[in-house]
C-alpha atoms as a PDB file:
ATOM      1  CA  MET A   1     114.112  71.319 128.564  1.00  0.00           C
ATOM      2  CA  SER A   2     110.887  73.275 128.615  1.00  0.00           C
ATOM      3  CA  ASP A   3     107.328  71.981 128.482  1.00  0.00           C
ATOM      4  CA  ARG A   4     106.247  75.163 126.684  1.00  0.00           C
ATOM      5  CA  LEU A   5     104.757  75.098 123.239  1.00  0.00           C
ATOM      6  CA  PRO A   6     106.414  77.460 120.702  1.00  0.00           C
ATOM      7  CA  HIS A   7     103.613  80.004 121.024  1.00  0.00           C
ATOM      8  CA  GLU A   8     103.696  80.185 124.830  1.00  0.00           C
ATOM      9  CA  LYS A   9     106.706  82.515 124.950  1.00  0.00           C
ATOM     10  CA  GLY A  10     105.150  84.958 122.560  1.00  0.00           C
ATOM     11  CA  PHE A  11     106.026  88.443 121.394  1.00  0.00           C
ATOM     12  CA  HIS A  12     102.901  90.068 119.980  1.00  0.00           C
ATOM     13  CA  VAL A  13     103.528  92.736 117.358  1.00  0.00           C
ATOM     14  CA  SER A  14     100.727  95.166 116.459  1.00  0.00           C
ATOM     15  CA  TRP A  15     100.291  96.912 113.120  1.00  0.00           C
ATOM     16  CA  ASP A  16     101.445 100.144 114.786  1.00  0.00           C
ATOM     17  CA  GLN A  17     104.562  98.444 116.143  1.00  0.00           C
ATOM     18  CA  ILE A  18     105.564  96.821 112.826  1.00  0.00           C
ATOM     19  CA  HIS A  19     105.094 100.197 111.156  1.00  0.00           C
ATOM     20  CA  ARG A  20     107.268 102.003 113.733  1.00  0.00           C
ATOM     21  CA  ASP A  21     109.949  99.303 113.635  1.00  0.00           C
ATOM     22  CA  SER A  22     109.962  99.196 109.812  1.00  0.00           C
ATOM     23  CA  ARG A  23     110.362 102.991 109.692  1.00  0.00           C
ATOM     24  CA  ALA A  24     113.253 102.668 112.151  1.00  0.00           C
ATOM     25  CA  LEU A  25     114.801 100.089 109.819  1.00  0.00           C
ATOM     26  CA  ALA A  26     114.452 102.518 106.904  1.00  0.00           C
ATOM     27  CA  TRP A  27     116.137 105.285 108.897  1.00  0.00           C
ATOM     28  CA  ARG A  28     119.002 102.944 109.774  1.00  0.00           C
ATOM     29  CA  LEU A  29     119.422 102.066 106.060  1.00  0.00           C
ATOM     30  CA  ASP A  30     119.121 105.636 104.768  1.00  0.00           C
ATOM     31  CA  GLY A  31     122.246 106.689 102.881  1.00  0.00           C
ATOM     32  CA  LYS A  32     123.908 103.269 103.290  1.00  0.00           C
ATOM     33  CA  GLY A  33     123.415 102.053  99.698  1.00  0.00           C
ATOM     34  CA  PRO A  34     126.422 101.647  97.395  1.00  0.00           C
ATOM     35  CA  ASP A  35     125.257 104.223  94.810  1.00  0.00           C
ATOM     36  CA  ASN A  36     126.042 107.470  96.649  1.00  0.00           C
ATOM     37  CA  GLY A  37     123.993 106.076  99.532  1.00  0.00           C
ATOM     38  CA  ALA A  38     121.046 105.026  97.348  1.00  0.00           C
ATOM     39  CA  TRP A  39     119.572 101.581  96.811  1.00  0.00           C
ATOM     40  CA  ARG A  40     118.624 100.352  93.308  1.00  0.00           C
ATOM     41  CA  ALA A  41     115.666  98.267  94.492  1.00  0.00           C
ATOM     42  CA  VAL A  42     113.941  96.624  97.438  1.00  0.00           C
ATOM     43  CA  VAL A  43     113.141  92.921  97.343  1.00  0.00           C
ATOM     44  CA  ALA A  44     110.678  91.571  99.894  1.00  0.00           C
ATOM     45  CA  ILE A  45     110.952  88.001 101.073  1.00  0.00           C
ATOM     46  CA  THR A  46     107.355  86.843 100.927  1.00  0.00           C
ATOM     47  CA  ARG A  47     105.211  86.813 102.758  1.00  0.00           C
ATOM     48  CA  GLY A  48     106.433  88.306 106.017  1.00  0.00           C
ATOM     49  CA  GLY A  49     108.792  90.794 104.406  1.00  0.00           C
ATOM     50  CA  MET A  50     106.127  92.440 102.261  1.00  0.00           C
ATOM     51  CA  ALA A  51     104.766  94.934 104.812  1.00  0.00           C
ATOM     52  CA  PRO A  52     108.221  95.991 106.090  1.00  0.00           C
ATOM     53  CA  ALA A  53     109.573  96.246 102.508  1.00  0.00           C
ATOM     54  CA  MET A  54     106.665  98.455 101.475  1.00  0.00           C
ATOM     55  CA  ILE A  55     107.295 100.772 104.415  1.00  0.00           C
ATOM     56  CA  VAL A  56     111.074 100.841 103.819  1.00  0.00           C
ATOM     57  CA  SER A  57     110.617 101.528 100.097  1.00  0.00           C
ATOM     58  CA  ARG A  58     108.213 104.380 100.853  1.00  0.00           C
ATOM     59  CA  GLU A  59     110.451 105.946 103.494  1.00  0.00           C
ATOM     60  CA  LEU A  60     113.538 105.746 101.272  1.00  0.00           C
ATOM     61  CA  ASP A  61     111.678 106.675  98.061  1.00  0.00           C
ATOM     62  CA  ILE A  62     112.680 103.461  96.290  1.00  0.00           C
ATOM     63  CA  ARG A  63     110.232 102.845  93.446  1.00  0.00           C
ATOM     64  CA  THR A  64     111.580  99.512  92.195  1.00  0.00           C
ATOM     65  CA  VAL A  65     110.134  96.768  94.398  1.00  0.00           C
ATOM     66  CA  ASP A  66     110.071  93.032  93.706  1.00  0.00           C
ATOM     67  CA  THR A  67     109.603  89.830  95.683  1.00  0.00           C
ATOM     68  CA  ILE A  68     111.300  86.526  96.251  1.00  0.00           C
ATOM     69  CA  SER A  69     109.077  83.776  97.538  1.00  0.00           C
ATOM     70  CA  VAL A  70     110.829  81.370  99.884  1.00  0.00           C
ATOM     71  CA  LYS A  71     108.988  78.673 101.782  1.00  0.00           C
ATOM     72  CA  SER A  72     110.738  77.591 104.957  1.00  0.00           C
ATOM     73  CA  TYR A  73     107.876  76.948 107.398  1.00  0.00           C
ATOM     74  CA  ASP A  74     104.914  74.579 107.544  1.00  0.00           C
ATOM     75  CA  ASN A  75     102.658  76.218 110.114  1.00  0.00           C
ATOM     76  CA  GLN A  76     105.016  76.599 113.113  1.00  0.00           C
ATOM     77  CA  SER A  77     107.572  73.969 112.028  1.00  0.00           C
ATOM     78  CA  GLN A  78     110.687  74.825 110.064  1.00  0.00           C
ATOM     79  CA  ALA A  79     111.253  72.911 106.845  1.00  0.00           C
ATOM     80  CA  GLU A  80     113.949  72.946 104.144  1.00  0.00           C
ATOM     81  CA  ALA A  81     114.000  76.400 102.531  1.00  0.00           C
ATOM     82  CA  GLN A  82     113.080  76.478  98.852  1.00  0.00           C
ATOM     83  CA  VAL A  83     112.614  79.306  96.346  1.00  0.00           C
ATOM     84  CA  LEU A  84     109.132  79.306  94.823  1.00  0.00           C
ATOM     85  CA  LYS A  85     109.494  82.571  92.839  1.00  0.00           C
ATOM     86  CA  ALA A  86     112.628  84.617  92.135  1.00  0.00           C
ATOM     87  CA  PRO A  87     112.824  88.354  91.400  1.00  0.00           C
ATOM     88  CA  ASP A  88     113.742  89.791  88.005  1.00  0.00           C
ATOM     89  CA  ALA A  89     117.170  88.320  87.167  1.00  0.00           C
ATOM     90  CA  GLU A  90     118.365  91.308  85.123  1.00  0.00           C
ATOM     91  CA  MET A  91     117.584  93.698  87.958  1.00  0.00           C
ATOM     92  CA  MET A  92     119.173  91.488  90.600  1.00  0.00           C
ATOM     93  CA  GLY A  93     122.563  90.628  89.094  1.00  0.00           C
ATOM     94  CA  ASP A  94     124.776  89.610  92.011  1.00  0.00           C
ATOM     95  CA  GLY A  95     122.699  91.751  94.375  1.00  0.00           C
ATOM     96  CA  THR A  96     124.805  94.916  94.308  1.00  0.00           C
ATOM     97  CA  GLY A  97     122.637  97.851  95.365  1.00  0.00           C
ATOM     98  CA  ILE A  98     119.692  95.614  96.250  1.00  0.00           C
ATOM     99  CA  LEU A  99     118.077  95.776  99.667  1.00  0.00           C
ATOM    100  CA  ILE A 100     116.469  92.466 100.649  1.00  0.00           C
ATOM    101  CA  VAL A 101     113.910  92.838 103.447  1.00  0.00           C
ATOM    102  CA  ASP A 102     112.198  90.289 105.682  1.00  0.00           C
ATOM    103  CA  ASP A 103     110.211  90.550 108.888  1.00  0.00           C
ATOM    104  CA  LEU A 104     112.394  88.166 110.899  1.00  0.00           C
ATOM    105  CA  VAL A 105     115.550  86.123 110.730  1.00  0.00           C
ATOM    106  CA  ASP A 106     115.130  83.003 112.870  1.00  0.00           C
ATOM    107  CA  THR A 107     117.691  80.267 112.160  1.00  0.00           C
ATOM    108  CA  GLY A 108     119.031  82.075 109.086  1.00  0.00           C
ATOM    109  CA  LYS A 109     118.184  79.267 106.627  1.00  0.00           C
ATOM    110  CA  THR A 110     116.005  81.477 104.423  1.00  0.00           C
ATOM    111  CA  LEU A 111     118.549  84.301 104.292  1.00  0.00           C
ATOM    112  CA  ASP A 112     121.378  81.839 103.691  1.00  0.00           C
ATOM    113  CA  LEU A 113     119.581  80.475 100.626  1.00  0.00           C
ATOM    114  CA  VAL A 114     118.878  83.968  99.270  1.00  0.00           C
ATOM    115  CA  ARG A 115     122.406  85.184 100.097  1.00  0.00           C
ATOM    116  CA  GLN A 116     123.855  82.330  98.029  1.00  0.00           C
ATOM    117  CA  MET A 117     121.818  83.639  95.089  1.00  0.00           C
ATOM    118  CA  TYR A 118     122.661  87.344  95.631  1.00  0.00           C
ATOM    119  CA  PRO A 119     125.918  87.503  97.614  1.00  0.00           C
ATOM    120  CA  LYS A 120     126.358  91.295  97.299  1.00  0.00           C
ATOM    121  CA  ALA A 121     122.826  92.261  98.381  1.00  0.00           C
ATOM    122  CA  HIS A 122     122.213  93.954 101.730  1.00  0.00           C
ATOM    123  CA  PHE A 123     119.970  91.894 104.025  1.00  0.00           C
ATOM    124  CA  ALA A 124     117.735  93.723 106.495  1.00  0.00           C
ATOM    125  CA  THR A 125     115.132  92.401 108.904  1.00  0.00           C
ATOM    126  CA  VAL A 126     112.955  94.059 111.471  1.00  0.00           C
ATOM    127  CA  TYR A 127     113.519  91.363 114.105  1.00  0.00           C
ATOM    128  CA  ALA A 128     116.400  88.922 114.615  1.00  0.00           C
ATOM    129  CA  LYS A 129     116.980  85.841 116.718  1.00  0.00           C
ATOM    130  CA  PRO A 130     120.569  85.023 117.819  1.00  0.00           C
ATOM    131  CA  GLN A 131     120.972  81.967 115.583  1.00  0.00           C
ATOM    132  CA  GLY A 132     120.114  84.002 112.481  1.00  0.00           C
ATOM    133  CA  GLU A 133     121.887  87.270 113.324  1.00  0.00           C
ATOM    134  CA  PRO A 134     125.071  86.372 111.379  1.00  0.00           C
ATOM    135  CA  MET A 135     122.984  86.152 108.178  1.00  0.00           C
ATOM    136  CA  VAL A 136     121.523  89.677 108.427  1.00  0.00           C
ATOM    137  CA  ASP A 137     123.395  92.934 107.808  1.00  0.00           C
ATOM    138  CA  THR A 138     120.924  95.280 109.530  1.00  0.00           C
ATOM    139  CA  PHE A 139     118.075  94.680 111.977  1.00  0.00           C
ATOM    140  CA  ILE A 140     116.150  96.653 114.581  1.00  0.00           C
ATOM    141  CA  THR A 141     115.151  94.400 117.481  1.00  0.00           C
ATOM    142  CA  GLY A 142     116.712  91.224 118.814  1.00  0.00           C
ATOM    143  CA  VAL A 143     114.543  88.558 120.465  1.00  0.00           C
ATOM    144  CA  SER A 144     115.503  85.306 122.169  1.00  0.00           C
ATOM    145  CA  GLN A 145     115.697  82.139 120.086  1.00  0.00           C
ATOM    146  CA  ASP A 146     112.826  80.507 121.998  1.00  0.00           C
ATOM    147  CA  THR A 147     110.388  83.398 121.440  1.00  0.00           C
ATOM    148  CA  TRP A 148     107.596  82.995 118.903  1.00  0.00           C
ATOM    149  CA  ILE A 149     106.727  86.296 117.224  1.00  0.00           C
ATOM    150  CA  PHE A 150     103.041  86.834 116.473  1.00  0.00           C
ATOM    151  CA  PHE A 151     102.757  89.256 113.560  1.00  0.00           C
ATOM    152  CA  PRO A 152      99.532  91.213 113.013  1.00  0.00           C
ATOM    153  CA  TRP A 153      98.825  89.464 109.699  1.00  0.00           C
ATOM    154  CA  ASP A 154      98.789  86.116 111.552  1.00  0.00           C
ATOM    155  CA  MET A 155      96.250  87.114 114.213  1.00  0.00           C
ATOM    156  CA  ALA A 156      92.588  87.957 114.526  1.00  0.00           C
ATOM    157  CA  MET A 157      90.978  89.978 117.269  1.00  0.00           C
ATOM    158  CA  GLN A 158      88.898  87.820 119.571  1.00  0.00           C
ATOM    159  CA  TYR A 159      87.828  87.467 123.179  1.00  0.00           C
ATOM    160  CA  VAL A 160      90.464  86.074 125.557  1.00  0.00           C
ATOM    161  CA  LYS A 161      89.397  84.526 128.855  1.00  0.00           C
ATOM    162  CA  PRO A 162      90.971  86.232 131.905  1.00  0.00           C
ATOM    163  CA  TYR A 163      93.817  84.450 133.650  1.00  0.00           C
ATOM    164  CA  ARG A 164      91.869  84.419 136.932  1.00  0.00           C
ATOM    165  CA  GLY A 165      88.165  84.667 137.440  1.00  0.00           C
ATOM    166  CA  SER A 166      85.471  84.794 134.843  1.00  0.00           C
ATOM    167  CA  ASP A 167      85.473  88.503 133.991  1.00  0.00           C
END
C-alpha cells in the first residue's frame, strides 16, 4: 500500500502535448471507418473528450460533431457513471460509423456505459490505463493505473516552491 495521494504520481499534459497526441490519434484512425474508411460523425464524451474530439474531427475533416455528457467523477473520486445528455438519437443508431472520443479511459466504467448504448461505435481515447484498455478500440499512450493525469484545462499557471532551498 502506498501513502501517496492520487495527485502525487502525476503525469502533466500541456496544451501542446494534448494537441500532438490528439493529432496522432486522428492519424491512427484515418481510413479506419466503416464507410470506405470514413466516419459519419465524432461524438465527444464531455468534458475531457471535447478538445481531443475537436482536433480529431478537424484532422479527419468530419463536420458532424456531437457530445454525450457522462458524469463519473466527483473531484478526484470515481462515482457511478450516469448519462446527463445523449447525442442525437437518429444520427447515432447503434453506433455504426460513429467515432466516440474521450481524453482518458481509467477504469472503463464510462466507456462501458456508452458502449452499452452504442455497441457498434468505435471508441478512441488519447490516454489509457490498464484497467480500462479492454473498453477502448484505439488509444495513443498507456499510463499506469496509479498515475493521475493533469490535463491543461484542469490547471492554472502559478509559482511552485523549489524542492530544496528557497529559490
